[in-house]
Amino acid sequence: MSPPFKVHWVGIAEEDLKNIILYIAEDSPANARNIFERIKETASSLTHFPERGRIVPELQDQGIFLYRELISAPWKIVYRISGKRVYVLAVIDSRQNVEDILLKRLVK
């Protein structure tokens, strides 16, 4: 039986993940590999019950309820659900100004 939802990574989210991993790999390739696997596994888990992620609080404060997030500390995996597809839109370090980053990217 196939999963009810299909997870798709958009280009900018793939670039986010790549940059995170490259940065970490400078100090610890093994740690970078573990983090890569953890983030990908977390995102892949959205094939079942993608609604379990909370609405992104930084966007909710702006009246935007379309986007959800899962946390793979300290990273936020931001996504939206459309039909039977889940689109991973960003992987952001939660220690950054998440609200500004998301508003620039997602609200145009």
PDB file of N, CA and C in Angstrom:
ATOM      1  N   MET A   1       0.836  -1.179   0.000  1.00  0.00           N
ATOM      2  CA  MET A   1       0.000   0.000   0.000  1.00  0.00           C
ATOM      3  C   MET A   1       0.888   1.253   0.000  1.00  0.00           C
ATOM      4  N   SER A   2       0.603   2.174  -0.892  1.00  0.00           N
ATOM      5  CA  SER A   2       1.423   3.381  -0.974  1.00  0.00           C
ATOM      6  C   SER A   2       0.995   4.393   0.089  1.00  0.00           C
ATOM      7  N   PRO A   3       1.938   5.248   0.494  1.00  0.00           N
ATOM      8  CA  PRO A   3       1.590   6.254   1.501  1.00  0.00           C
ATOM      9  C   PRO A   3       0.546   7.223   0.948  1.00  0.00           C
ATOM     10  N   PRO A   4      -0.292   7.771   1.811  1.00  0.00           N
ATOM     11  CA  PRO A   4      -1.352   8.655   1.347  1.00  0.00           C
ATOM     12  C   PRO A   4      -0.857   9.992   0.787  1.00  0.00           C
ATOM     13  N   PHE A   5       0.323  10.452   1.199  1.00  0.00           N
ATOM     14  CA  PHE A   5       0.872  11.721   0.725  1.00  0.00           C
ATOM     15  C   PHE A   5       2.251  11.501   0.129  1.00  0.00           C
ATOM     16  N   LYS A   6       2.600  12.320  -0.837  1.00  0.00           N
ATOM     17  CA  LYS A   6       3.926  12.265  -1.453  1.00  0.00           C
ATOM     18  C   LYS A   6       4.671  13.553  -1.078  1.00  0.00           C
ATOM     19  N   VAL A   7       5.897  13.402  -0.611  1.00  0.00           N
ATOM     20  CA  VAL A   7       6.702  14.543  -0.180  1.00  0.00           C
ATOM     21  C   VAL A   7       7.600  14.988  -1.327  1.00  0.00           C
ATOM     22  N   HIS A   8       7.540  16.292  -1.634  1.00  0.00           N
ATOM     23  CA  HIS A   8       8.378  16.896  -2.666  1.00  0.00           C
ATOM     24  C   HIS A   8       9.210  18.014  -2.049  1.00  0.00           C
ATOM     25  N   TRP A   9      10.484  18.040  -2.371  1.00  0.00           N
ATOM     26  CA  TRP A   9      11.370  19.108  -1.930  1.00  0.00           C
ATOM     27  C   TRP A   9      11.461  20.145  -3.041  1.00  0.00           C
ATOM     28  N   VAL A  10      11.174  21.413  -2.742  1.00  0.00           N
ATOM     29  CA  VAL A  10      11.357  22.469  -3.732  1.00  0.00           C
ATOM     30  C   VAL A  10      12.833  22.857  -3.737  1.00  0.00           C
ATOM     31  N   GLY A  11      13.265  23.486  -4.815  1.00  0.00           N
ATOM     32  CA  GLY A  11      14.684  23.795  -5.006  1.00  0.00           C
ATOM     33  C   GLY A  11      15.327  24.566  -3.873  1.00  0.00           C
ATOM     34  N   ILE A  12      14.661  25.586  -3.368  1.00  0.00           N
ATOM     35  CA  ILE A  12      15.253  26.414  -2.311  1.00  0.00           C
ATOM     36  C   ILE A  12      15.424  25.619  -1.017  1.00  0.00           C
ATOM     37  N   ALA A  13      14.507  24.696  -0.737  1.00  0.00           N
ATOM     38  CA  ALA A  13      14.637  23.858   0.460  1.00  0.00           C
ATOM     39  C   ALA A  13      15.813  22.895   0.309  1.00  0.00           C
ATOM     40  N   GLU A  14      15.982  22.347  -0.886  1.00  0.00           N
ATOM     41  CA  GLU A  14      17.150  21.487  -1.130  1.00  0.00           C
ATOM     42  C   GLU A  14      18.434  22.277  -0.953  1.00  0.00           C
ATOM     43  N   GLU A  15      18.431  23.522  -1.410  1.00  0.00           N
ATOM     44  CA  GLU A  15      19.606  24.389  -1.264  1.00  0.00           C
ATOM     45  C   GLU A  15      19.863  24.699   0.215  1.00  0.00           C
ATOM     46  N   ASP A  16      18.794  24.951   0.970  1.00  0.00           N
ATOM     47  CA  ASP A  16      18.939  25.163   2.422  1.00  0.00           C
ATOM     48  C   ASP A  16      19.643  23.978   3.063  1.00  0.00           C
ATOM     49  N   LEU A  17      19.145  22.781   2.762  1.00  0.00           N
ATOM     50  CA  LEU A  17      19.708  21.568   3.370  1.00  0.00           C
ATOM     51  C   LEU A  17      21.158  21.378   2.949  1.00  0.00           C
ATOM     52  N   LYS A  18      21.429  21.592   1.692  1.00  0.00           N
ATOM     53  CA  LYS A  18      22.803  21.454   1.188  1.00  0.00           C
ATOM     54  C   LYS A  18      23.746  22.404   1.926  1.00  0.00           C
ATOM     55  N   ASN A  19      23.332  23.659   2.090  1.00  0.00           N
ATOM     56  CA  ASN A  19      24.183  24.643   2.773  1.00  0.00           C
ATOM     57  C   ASN A  19      24.402  24.292   4.233  1.00  0.00           C
ATOM     58  N   ILE A  20      23.374  23.807   4.889  1.00  0.00           N
ATOM     59  CA  ILE A  20      23.509  23.380   6.283  1.00  0.00           C
ATOM     60  C   ILE A  20      24.537  22.260   6.388  1.00  0.00           C
ATOM     61  N   ILE A  21      24.395  21.266   5.531  1.00  0.00           N
ATOM     62  CA  ILE A  21      25.272  20.092   5.585  1.00  0.00           C
ATOM     63  C   ILE A  21      26.714  20.454   5.232  1.00  0.00           C
ATOM     64  N   LEU A  22      26.892  21.285   4.219  1.00  0.00           N
ATOM     65  CA  LEU A  22      28.252  21.701   3.849  1.00  0.00           C
ATOM     66  C   LEU A  22      28.927  22.462   4.986  1.00  0.00           C
ATOM     67  N   TYR A  23      28.182  23.320   5.646  1.00  0.00           N
ATOM     68  CA  TYR A  23      28.732  24.092   6.762  1.00  0.00           C
ATOM     69  C   TYR A  23      29.156  23.161   7.902  1.00  0.00           C
ATOM     70  N   ILE A  24      28.306  22.241   8.271  1.00  0.00           N
ATOM     71  CA  ILE A  24      28.609  21.321   9.372  1.00  0.00           C
ATOM     72  C   ILE A  24      29.752  20.383   8.993  1.00  0.00           C
ATOM     73  N   ALA A  25      29.787  19.972   7.740  1.00  0.00           N
ATOM     74  CA  ALA A  25      30.814  19.026   7.275  1.00  0.00           C
ATOM     75  C   ALA A  25      32.223  19.603   7.365  1.00  0.00           C
ATOM     76  N   GLU A  26      32.344  20.926   7.367  1.00  0.00           N
ATOM     77  CA  GLU A  26      33.674  21.537   7.506  1.00  0.00           C
ATOM     78  C   GLU A  26      34.333  21.094   8.805  1.00  0.00           C
ATOM     79  N   ASP A  27      33.530  20.922   9.859  1.00  0.00           N
ATOM     80  CA  ASP A  27      34.061  20.503  11.156  1.00  0.00           C
ATOM     81  C   ASP A  27      33.899  19.013  11.415  1.00  0.00           C
ATOM     82  N   SER A  28      32.793  18.443  10.897  1.00  0.00           N
ATOM     83  CA  SER A  28      32.512  17.046  11.207  1.00  0.00           C
ATOM     84  C   SER A  28      31.667  16.389  10.112  1.00  0.00           C
ATOM     85  N   PRO A  29      32.327  15.743   9.164  1.00  0.00           N
ATOM     86  CA  PRO A  29      31.564  15.054   8.114  1.00  0.00           C
ATOM     87  C   PRO A  29      30.591  14.011   8.662  1.00  0.00           C
ATOM     88  N   ALA A  30      30.971  13.312   9.709  1.00  0.00           N
ATOM     89  CA  ALA A  30      30.086  12.290  10.279  1.00  0.00           C
ATOM     90  C   ALA A  30      28.840  12.937  10.879  1.00  0.00           C
ATOM     91  N   ASN A  31      29.022  14.033  11.583  1.00  0.00           N
ATOM     92  CA  ASN A  31      27.886  14.743  12.155  1.00  0.00           C
ATOM     93  C   ASN A  31      26.987  15.297  11.048  1.00  0.00           C
ATOM     94  N   ALA A  32      27.588  15.819  10.004  1.00  0.00           N
ATOM     95  CA  ALA A  32      26.819  16.345   8.866  1.00  0.00           C
ATOM     96  C   ALA A  32      25.965  15.241   8.252  1.00  0.00           C
ATOM     97  N   ARG A  33      26.520  14.077   8.093  1.00  0.00           N
ATOM     98  CA  ARG A  33      25.779  12.944   7.529  1.00  0.00           C
ATOM     99  C   ARG A  33      24.595  12.554   8.421  1.00  0.00           C
ATOM    100  N   ASN A  34      24.843  12.526   9.738  1.00  0.00           N
ATOM    101  CA  ASN A  34      23.766  12.197  10.681  1.00  0.00           C
ATOM    102  C   ASN A  34      22.645  13.233  10.641  1.00  0.00           C
ATOM    103  N   ILE A  35      23.007  14.493  10.585  1.00  0.00           N
ATOM    104  CA  ILE A  35      22.005  15.560  10.538  1.00  0.00           C
ATOM    105  C   ILE A  35      21.222  15.493   9.232  1.00  0.00           C
ATOM    106  N   PHE A  36      21.919  15.249   8.122  1.00  0.00           N
ATOM    107  CA  PHE A  36      21.249  15.111   6.829  1.00  0.00           C
ATOM    108  C   PHE A  36      20.197  14.001   6.898  1.00  0.00           C
ATOM    109  N   GLU A  37      20.601  12.862   7.416  1.00  0.00           N
ATOM    110  CA  GLU A  37      19.670  11.726   7.508  1.00  0.00           C
ATOM    111  C   GLU A  37      18.500  12.034   8.433  1.00  0.00           C
ATOM    112  N   ARG A  38      18.759  12.719   9.532  1.00  0.00           N
ATOM    113  CA  ARG A  38      17.694  13.053  10.476  1.00  0.00           C
ATOM    114  C   ARG A  38      16.677  14.014   9.851  1.00  0.00           C
ATOM    115  N   ILE A  39      17.158  15.036   9.158  1.00  0.00           N
ATOM    116  CA  ILE A  39      16.254  16.009   8.530  1.00  0.00           C
ATOM    117  C   ILE A  39      15.458  15.347   7.414  1.00  0.00           C
ATOM    118  N   LYS A  40      16.118  14.548   6.586  1.00  0.00           N
ATOM    119  CA  LYS A  40      15.405  13.866   5.493  1.00  0.00           C
ATOM    120  C   LYS A  40      14.370  12.883   6.040  1.00  0.00           C
ATOM    121  N   GLU A  41      14.717  12.172   7.095  1.00  0.00           N
ATOM    122  CA  GLU A  41      13.788  11.219   7.704  1.00  0.00           C
ATOM    123  C   GLU A  41      12.572  11.942   8.299  1.00  0.00           C
ATOM    124  N   THR A  42      12.820  13.064   8.948  1.00  0.00           N
ATOM    125  CA  THR A  42      11.722  13.852   9.514  1.00  0.00           C
ATOM    126  C   THR A  42      10.778  14.317   8.416  1.00  0.00           C
ATOM    127  N   ALA A  43      11.335  14.835   7.333  1.00  0.00           N
ATOM    128  CA  ALA A  43      10.501  15.292   6.216  1.00  0.00           C
ATOM    129  C   ALA A  43       9.763  14.123   5.568  1.00  0.00           C
ATOM    130  N   SER A  44      10.423  12.987   5.417  1.00  0.00           N
ATOM    131  CA  SER A  44       9.788  11.817   4.803  1.00  0.00           C
ATOM    132  C   SER A  44       8.629  11.301   5.646  1.00  0.00           C
ATOM    133  N   SER A  45       8.682  11.541   6.941  1.00  0.00           N
ATOM    134  CA  SER A  45       7.604  11.074   7.817  1.00  0.00           C
ATOM    135  C   SER A  45       6.286  11.787   7.525  1.00  0.00           C
ATOM    136  N   LEU A  46       6.334  12.839   6.741  1.00  0.00           N
ATOM    137  CA  LEU A  46       5.119  13.578   6.395  1.00  0.00           C
ATOM    138  C   LEU A  46       4.218  12.813   5.428  1.00  0.00           C
ATOM    139  N   THR A  47       4.687  11.674   4.925  1.00  0.00           N
ATOM    140  CA  THR A  47       3.828  10.872   4.044  1.00  0.00           C
ATOM    141  C   THR A  47       2.595  10.377   4.782  1.00  0.00           C
ATOM    142  N   HIS A  48       2.678  10.307   6.087  1.00  0.00           N
ATOM    143  CA  HIS A  48       1.549   9.925   6.938  1.00  0.00           C
ATOM    144  C   HIS A  48       1.290  11.062   7.925  1.00  0.00           C
ATOM    145  N   PHE A  49       0.097  11.537   8.000  1.00  0.00           N
ATOM    146  CA  PHE A  49      -0.335  12.569   8.948  1.00  0.00           C
ATOM    147  C   PHE A  49       0.448  13.880   8.839  1.00  0.00           C
ATOM    148  N   PRO A  50       0.506  14.490   7.674  1.00  0.00           N
ATOM    149  CA  PRO A  50       1.251  15.749   7.562  1.00  0.00           C
ATOM    150  C   PRO A  50       0.621  16.888   8.365  1.00  0.00           C
ATOM    151  N   GLU A  51      -0.634  16.745   8.729  1.00  0.00           N
ATOM    152  CA  GLU A  51      -1.296  17.788   9.515  1.00  0.00           C
ATOM    153  C   GLU A  51      -0.761  17.866  10.943  1.00  0.00           C
ATOM    154  N   ARG A  52       0.049  16.881  11.346  1.00  0.00           N
ATOM    155  CA  ARG A  52       0.550  16.877  12.721  1.00  0.00           C
ATOM    156  C   ARG A  52       1.524  18.027  12.980  1.00  0.00           C
ATOM    157  N   GLY A  53       2.145  18.547  11.942  1.00  0.00           N
ATOM    158  CA  GLY A  53       3.020  19.707  12.134  1.00  0.00           C
ATOM    159  C   GLY A  53       2.191  20.925  12.487  1.00  0.00           C
ATOM    160  N   ARG A  54       2.734  21.755  13.337  1.00  0.00           N
ATOM    161  CA  ARG A  54       1.980  22.944  13.747  1.00  0.00           C
ATOM    162  C   ARG A  54       2.061  24.023  12.667  1.00  0.00           C
ATOM    163  N   ILE A  55       1.095  24.917  12.695  1.00  0.00           N
ATOM    164  CA  ILE A  55       1.147  26.086  11.820  1.00  0.00           C
ATOM    165  C   ILE A  55       2.340  26.919  12.287  1.00  0.00           C
ATOM    166  N   VAL A  56       3.098  27.448  11.341  1.00  0.00           N
ATOM    167  CA  VAL A  56       4.314  28.206  11.668  1.00  0.00           C
ATOM    168  C   VAL A  56       3.913  29.435  12.497  1.00  0.00           C
ATOM    169  N   PRO A  57       4.337  29.482  13.771  1.00  0.00           N
ATOM    170  CA  PRO A  57       3.896  30.569  14.644  1.00  0.00           C
ATOM    171  C   PRO A  57       4.280  31.961  14.144  1.00  0.00           C
ATOM    172  N   GLU A  58       5.472  32.077  13.562  1.00  0.00           N
ATOM    173  CA  GLU A  58       5.934  33.383  13.075  1.00  0.00           C
ATOM    174  C   GLU A  58       5.045  33.903  11.942  1.00  0.00           C
ATOM    175  N   LEU A  59       4.455  32.985  11.178  1.00  0.00           N
ATOM    176  CA  LEU A  59       3.548  33.389  10.103  1.00  0.00           C
ATOM    177  C   LEU A  59       2.120  33.521  10.627  1.00  0.00           C
ATOM    178  N   GLN A  60       1.755  32.671  11.549  1.00  0.00           N
ATOM    179  CA  GLN A  60       0.420  32.735  12.147  1.00  0.00           C
ATOM    180  C   GLN A  60       0.197  34.113  12.769  1.00  0.00           C
ATOM    181  N   ASP A  61       1.234  34.664  13.384  1.00  0.00           N
ATOM    182  CA  ASP A  61       1.143  35.999  13.973  1.00  0.00           C
ATOM    183  C   ASP A  61       0.828  37.063  12.921  1.00  0.00           C
ATOM    184  N   GLN A  62       1.142  36.754  11.659  1.00  0.00           N
ATOM    185  CA  GLN A  62       0.877  37.669  10.539  1.00  0.00           C
ATOM    186  C   GLN A  62      -0.439  37.345   9.835  1.00  0.00           C
ATOM    187  N   GLY A  63      -1.193  36.372  10.373  1.00  0.00           N
ATOM    188  CA  GLY A  63      -2.470  35.983   9.774  1.00  0.00           C
ATOM    189  C   GLY A  63      -2.329  34.989   8.635  1.00  0.00           C
ATOM    190  N   ILE A  64      -1.177  34.320   8.550  1.00  0.00           N
ATOM    191  CA  ILE A  64      -0.911  33.354   7.476  1.00  0.00           C
ATOM    192  C   ILE A  64      -0.960  31.954   8.080  1.00  0.00           C
ATOM    193  N   PHE A  65      -1.895  31.137   7.581  1.00  0.00           N
ATOM    194  CA  PHE A  65      -2.132  29.820   8.184  1.00  0.00           C
ATOM    195  C   PHE A  65      -1.868  28.663   7.224  1.00  0.00           C
ATOM    196  N   LEU A  66      -1.305  28.930   6.063  1.00  0.00           N
ATOM    197  CA  LEU A  66      -1.115  27.935   5.018  1.00  0.00           C
ATOM    198  C   LEU A  66       0.086  27.015   5.278  1.00  0.00           C
ATOM    199  N   TYR A  67       1.051  27.480   6.044  1.00  0.00           N
ATOM    200  CA  TYR A  67       2.318  26.774   6.192  1.00  0.00           C
ATOM    201  C   TYR A  67       2.431  26.110   7.559  1.00  0.00           C
ATOM    202  N   ARG A  68       3.050  24.926   7.543  1.00  0.00           N
ATOM    203  CA  ARG A  68       3.255  24.148   8.771  1.00  0.00           C
ATOM    204  C   ARG A  68       4.747  23.882   8.945  1.00  0.00           C
ATOM    205  N   GLU A  69       5.091  23.388  10.123  1.00  0.00           N
ATOM    206  CA  GLU A  69       6.492  23.083  10.389  1.00  0.00           C
ATOM    207  C   GLU A  69       6.629  21.856  11.274  1.00  0.00           C
ATOM    208  N   LEU A  70       7.734  21.181  11.057  1.00  0.00           N
ATOM    209  CA  LEU A  70       8.210  20.147  11.977  1.00  0.00           C
ATOM    210  C   LEU A  70       9.578  20.610  12.444  1.00  0.00           C
ATOM    211  N   ILE A  71       9.911  20.265  13.657  1.00  0.00           N
ATOM    212  CA  ILE A  71      11.200  20.658  14.219  1.00  0.00           C
ATOM    213  C   ILE A  71      12.128  19.449  14.243  1.00  0.00           C
ATOM    214  N   SER A  72      13.327  19.659  13.725  1.00  0.00           N
ATOM    215  CA  SER A  72      14.426  18.726  13.885  1.00  0.00           C
ATOM    216  C   SER A  72      15.541  19.597  14.459  1.00  0.00           C
ATOM    217  N   ALA A  73      15.462  19.809  15.761  1.00  0.00           N
ATOM    218  CA  ALA A  73      16.234  20.850  16.455  1.00  0.00           C
ATOM    219  C   ALA A  73      17.689  20.894  16.020  1.00  0.00           C
ATOM    220  N   PRO A  74      18.187  22.096  15.748  1.00  0.00           N
ATOM    221  CA  PRO A  74      17.538  23.398  15.848  1.00  0.00           C
ATOM    222  C   PRO A  74      16.874  23.864  14.539  1.00  0.00           C
ATOM    223  N   TRP A  75      16.630  22.950  13.625  1.00  0.00           N
ATOM    224  CA  TRP A  75      16.089  23.351  12.325  1.00  0.00           C
ATOM    225  C   TRP A  75      14.586  23.199  12.249  1.00  0.00           C
ATOM    226  N   LYS A  76      13.978  24.136  11.525  1.00  0.00           N
ATOM    227  CA  LYS A  76      12.552  24.083  11.239  1.00  0.00           C
ATOM    228  C   LYS A  76      12.404  23.623   9.792  1.00  0.00           C
ATOM    229  N   ILE A  77      11.592  22.614   9.595  1.00  0.00           N
ATOM    230  CA  ILE A  77      11.264  22.146   8.253  1.00  0.00           C
ATOM    231  C   ILE A  77       9.880  22.711   7.942  1.00  0.00           C
ATOM    232  N   VAL A  78       9.832  23.676   7.030  1.00  0.00           N
ATOM    233  CA  VAL A  78       8.602  24.381   6.712  1.00  0.00           C
ATOM    234  C   VAL A  78       8.012  23.761   5.450  1.00  0.00           C
ATOM    235  N   TYR A  79       6.704  23.504   5.495  1.00  0.00           N
ATOM    236  CA  TYR A  79       6.050  22.842   4.366  1.00  0.00           C
ATOM    237  C   TYR A  79       4.609  23.293   4.239  1.00  0.00           C
ATOM    238  N   ARG A  80       4.013  22.929   3.107  1.00  0.00           N
ATOM    239  CA  ARG A  80       2.582  23.140   2.927  1.00  0.00           C
ATOM    240  C   ARG A  80       1.996  21.889   2.308  1.00  0.00           C
ATOM    241  N   ILE A  81       0.725  21.687   2.551  1.00  0.00           N
ATOM    242  CA  ILE A  81       0.012  20.528   2.023  1.00  0.00           C
ATOM    243  C   ILE A  81      -0.882  21.015   0.899  1.00  0.00           C
ATOM    244  N   SER A  82      -0.836  20.305  -0.217  1.00  0.00           N
ATOM    245  CA  SER A  82      -1.708  20.626  -1.348  1.00  0.00           C
ATOM    246  C   SER A  82      -2.208  19.313  -1.930  1.00  0.00           C
ATOM    247  N   GLY A  83      -3.483  19.038  -1.730  1.00  0.00           N
ATOM    248  CA  GLY A  83      -4.035  17.761  -2.175  1.00  0.00           C
ATOM    249  C   GLY A  83      -3.351  16.621  -1.453  1.00  0.00           C
ATOM    250  N   LYS A  84      -2.797  15.699  -2.212  1.00  0.00           N
ATOM    251  CA  LYS A  84      -2.087  14.549  -1.640  1.00  0.00           C
ATOM    252  C   LYS A  84      -0.574  14.733  -1.704  1.00  0.00           C
ATOM    253  N   ARG A  85      -0.150  15.978  -1.806  1.00  0.00           N
ATOM    254  CA  ARG A  85       1.279  16.288  -1.857  1.00  0.00           C
ATOM    255  C   ARG A  85       1.668  17.206  -0.705  1.00  0.00           C
ATOM    256  N   VAL A  86       2.877  16.986  -0.229  1.00  0.00           N
ATOM    257  CA  VAL A  86       3.471  17.832   0.799  1.00  0.00           C
ATOM    258  C   VAL A  86       4.709  18.453   0.169  1.00  0.00           C
ATOM    259  N   TYR A  87       4.775  19.773   0.187  1.00  0.00           N
ATOM    260  CA  TYR A  87       5.905  20.489  -0.398  1.00  0.00           C
ATOM    261  C   TYR A  87       6.788  21.039   0.713  1.00  0.00           C
ATOM    262  N   VAL A  88       8.027  20.534   0.791  1.00  0.00           N
ATOM    263  CA  VAL A  88       9.004  21.068   1.740  1.00  0.00           C
ATOM    264  C   VAL A  88       9.548  22.342   1.114  1.00  0.00           C
ATOM    265  N   LEU A  89       9.341  23.472   1.812  1.00  0.00           N
ATOM    266  CA  LEU A  89       9.643  24.787   1.255  1.00  0.00           C
ATOM    267  C   LEU A  89      10.902  25.424   1.828  1.00  0.00           C
ATOM    268  N   ALA A  90      11.302  25.009   3.016  1.00  0.00           N
ATOM    269  CA  ALA A  90      12.469  25.628   3.640  1.00  0.00           C
ATOM    270  C   ALA A  90      12.966  24.760   4.784  1.00  0.00           C
ATOM    271  N   VAL A  91      14.261  24.840   5.017  1.00  0.00           N
ATOM    272  CA  VAL A  91      14.887  24.275   6.218  1.00  0.00           C
ATOM    273  C   VAL A  91      15.700  25.424   6.794  1.00  0.00           C
ATOM    274  N   ILE A  92      15.255  25.901   7.957  1.00  0.00           N
ATOM    275  CA  ILE A  92      15.812  27.131   8.526  1.00  0.00           C
ATOM    276  C   ILE A  92      16.304  26.868   9.944  1.00  0.00           C
ATOM    277  N   ASP A  93      17.458  27.419  10.254  1.00  0.00           N
ATOM    278  CA  ASP A  93      17.979  27.360  11.617  1.00  0.00           C
ATOM    279  C   ASP A  93      17.090  28.239  12.490  1.00  0.00           C
ATOM    280  N   SER A  94      16.474  27.662  13.489  1.00  0.00           N
ATOM    281  CA  SER A  94      15.519  28.395  14.316  1.00  0.00           C
ATOM    282  C   SER A  94      16.185  29.480  15.166  1.00  0.00           C
ATOM    283  N   ARG A  95      17.501  29.505  15.192  1.00  0.00           N
ATOM    284  CA  ARG A  95      18.205  30.552  15.943  1.00  0.00           C
ATOM    285  C   ARG A  95      18.314  31.835  15.124  1.00  0.00           C
ATOM    286  N   GLN A  96      17.933  31.766  13.835  1.00  0.00           N
ATOM    287  CA  GLN A  96      17.917  32.951  12.982  1.00  0.00           C
ATOM    288  C   GLN A  96      16.578  33.667  13.128  1.00  0.00           C
ATOM    289  N   ASN A  97      16.427  34.800  12.451  1.00  0.00           N
ATOM    290  CA  ASN A  97      15.157  35.515  12.447  1.00  0.00           C
ATOM    291  C   ASN A  97      14.234  34.823  11.446  1.00  0.00           C
ATOM    292  N   VAL A  98      13.548  33.813  11.914  1.00  0.00           N
ATOM    293  CA  VAL A  98      12.720  32.959  11.062  1.00  0.00           C
ATOM    294  C   VAL A  98      11.607  33.758  10.401  1.00  0.00           C
ATOM    295  N   GLU A  99      10.989  34.654  11.137  1.00  0.00           N
ATOM    296  CA  GLU A  99       9.873  35.427  10.596  1.00  0.00           C
ATOM    297  C   GLU A  99      10.298  36.208   9.352  1.00  0.00           C
ATOM    298  N   ASP A 100      11.408  36.916   9.423  1.00  0.00           N
ATOM    299  CA  ASP A 100      11.867  37.696   8.276  1.00  0.00           C
ATOM    300  C   ASP A 100      12.189  36.805   7.081  1.00  0.00           C
ATOM    301  N   ILE A 101      12.879  35.698   7.342  1.00  0.00           N
ATOM    302  CA  ILE A 101      13.258  34.784   6.257  1.00  0.00           C
ATOM    303  C   ILE A 101      12.009  34.255   5.562  1.00  0.00           C
ATOM    304  N   LEU A 102      11.044  33.791   6.336  1.00  0.00           N
ATOM    305  CA  LEU A 102       9.839  33.200   5.750  1.00  0.00           C
ATOM    306  C   LEU A 102       8.981  34.234   5.035  1.00  0.00           C
ATOM    307  N   LEU A 103       8.842  35.403   5.606  1.00  0.00           N
ATOM    308  CA  LEU A 103       8.038  36.432   4.950  1.00  0.00           C
ATOM    309  C   LEU A 103       8.641  36.827   3.612  1.00  0.00           C
ATOM    310  N   LYS A 104       9.975  36.913   3.534  1.00  0.00           N
ATOM    311  CA  LYS A 104      10.638  37.247   2.271  1.00  0.00           C
ATOM    312  C   LYS A 104      10.440  36.148   1.238  1.00  0.00           C
ATOM    313  N   ARG A 105      10.480  34.893   1.678  1.00  0.00           N
ATOM    314  CA  ARG A 105      10.394  33.761   0.759  1.00  0.00           C
ATOM    315  C   ARG A 105       8.976  33.395   0.337  1.00  0.00           C
ATOM    316  N   LEU A 106       8.089  33.375   1.296  1.00  0.00           N
ATOM    317  CA  LEU A 106       6.783  32.756   1.062  1.00  0.00           C
ATOM    318  C   LEU A 106       5.659  33.744   0.765  1.00  0.00           C
ATOM    319  N   VAL A 107       5.825  34.978   1.145  1.00  0.00           N
ATOM    320  CA  VAL A 107       4.762  35.948   0.950  1.00  0.00           C
ATOM    321  C   VAL A 107       5.233  36.969  -0.079  1.00  0.00           C
ATOM    322  N   LYS A 108       4.646  36.878  -1.260  1.00  0.00           N
ATOM    323  CA  LYS A 108       5.054  37.788  -2.335  1.00  0.00           C
ATOM    324  C   LYS A 108       3.856  38.473  -2.904  1.00  0.00           C
TER     325      LYS A 108
END
